[in-house]
Protein backbone atom coordinates (compact mmCIF):
# COMPACT_ATOMS: atom_id res chain seq x y z
CA UNK A 1 136.41 53.09 91.08
CA UNK A 2 138.78 50.52 92.46
CA UNK A 3 139.32 48.59 95.64
CA UNK A 4 142.63 47.09 96.69
CA UNK A 5 143.70 44.75 99.43
CA UNK A 6 147.33 44.25 100.43
CA UNK A 7 148.97 41.77 102.76
CA UNK A 8 152.64 41.13 103.24
CA UNK A 9 154.99 39.34 105.61
CA UNK A 10 158.22 40.99 106.72
CA UNK A 11 161.11 39.14 108.31
CA UNK A 12 163.35 41.18 110.58
CA UNK A 13 167.03 40.64 111.28
CA UNK A 14 166.54 40.93 115.03
CA UNK A 15 164.87 38.98 117.79
CA UNK A 16 164.07 42.06 119.89
CA UNK A 17 161.01 43.37 118.02
CA UNK A 18 158.70 41.80 120.60
CA UNK A 19 161.24 42.26 123.42
CA UNK A 20 161.32 38.51 124.06
CA UNK A 21 164.90 37.36 123.67
CA UNK A 22 167.89 36.69 125.85
CA UNK A 23 167.77 35.85 129.54
CA UNK A 24 165.45 36.90 132.31
CA UNK A 25 167.28 39.59 134.33
CA UNK A 26 168.52 39.18 137.86
CA UNK A 27 166.55 41.66 140.02
CA UNK A 28 169.48 42.08 142.41
CA UNK A 29 171.61 43.58 139.59
CA UNK A 30 169.04 46.10 138.40
CA UNK A 31 165.72 46.56 140.20
CA UNK A 32 164.17 48.44 137.26
CA UNK A 33 165.23 45.86 134.66
CA UNK A 34 162.79 43.33 136.04
CA UNK A 35 159.90 45.82 135.81
CA UNK A 36 160.71 46.69 132.18
CA UNK A 37 161.42 43.17 131.01
CA UNK A 38 158.60 41.36 132.73
CA UNK A 39 155.89 43.63 134.16
CA UNK A 40 154.13 40.78 136.03
CA UNK A 41 156.73 39.82 138.66
CA UNK A 42 159.11 37.13 137.46
CA UNK A 43 159.12 34.00 139.58
CA UNK A 44 162.52 33.35 141.15
CA UNK A 45 162.96 30.09 139.25
CA UNK A 46 162.93 31.96 135.89
CA UNK A 47 165.83 34.33 136.66
CA UNK A 48 168.72 33.55 134.31
CA UNK A 49 166.68 31.22 132.06
CA UNK A 50 166.06 31.83 128.35
CA UNK A 51 163.31 34.19 127.23
CA UNK A 52 162.34 33.24 123.69
CA UNK A 53 164.62 31.68 121.09
CA UNK A 54 167.47 33.91 119.87
CA UNK A 55 168.04 31.63 116.83
CA UNK A 56 164.65 32.50 115.33
CA UNK A 57 164.18 36.07 114.15
CA UNK A 58 160.94 38.03 114.48
CA UNK A 59 158.34 38.48 111.75
CA UNK A 60 155.53 40.96 111.33
CA UNK A 61 152.72 41.32 108.81
CA UNK A 62 151.10 44.36 107.31
CA UNK A 63 147.58 44.67 105.96
CA UNK A 64 146.11 47.42 103.86
CA UNK A 65 142.82 48.31 102.24
CA UNK A 66 142.54 51.04 99.63
CA UNK A 67 139.58 52.55 97.84
CA UNK A 68 140.20 54.89 94.92
CA UNK A 69 138.00 56.75 92.50
CA UNK A 70 138.46 59.20 89.65
CA UNK A 71 137.25 62.73 90.12
CA UNK A 72 134.91 63.93 87.40
CA UNK A 73 136.55 65.76 84.48
CA UNK A 74 135.51 69.40 84.27
CA UNK A 75 135.93 70.17 80.60
CA UNK A 76 139.44 69.09 79.74
CA UNK A 77 142.82 67.92 80.91
CA UNK A 78 143.63 71.23 82.63
CA UNK A 79 140.25 71.66 84.35
CA UNK A 80 138.97 74.77 82.62
CA UNK A 81 142.16 76.29 81.23
CA UNK A 82 141.81 77.29 77.58
CA UNK A 83 144.18 74.96 75.74
CA UNK A 84 144.17 77.12 72.56
CA UNK A 85 145.51 80.23 74.27
CA UNK A 86 149.16 79.63 73.28
CA UNK A 87 148.63 78.07 69.83
């Protein structure tokens, strides 16, 4: 029986993984853009200002846990097949 634990960081080559990059949209140009970009109404003083830092790329981490065990042998490597049949 064995137990494994994995953890690993991954750096992306984009800043849009979390959808926080670029500028806040102008609601007069696209009414739906404001709803998609910032679901909680954007204050007027934020329109056109930076959202996040485009010079830093996004990262994410993965975690994994594995449990493995060997099934019981049942009489040989082929599980019951007569190994002498073709000798």
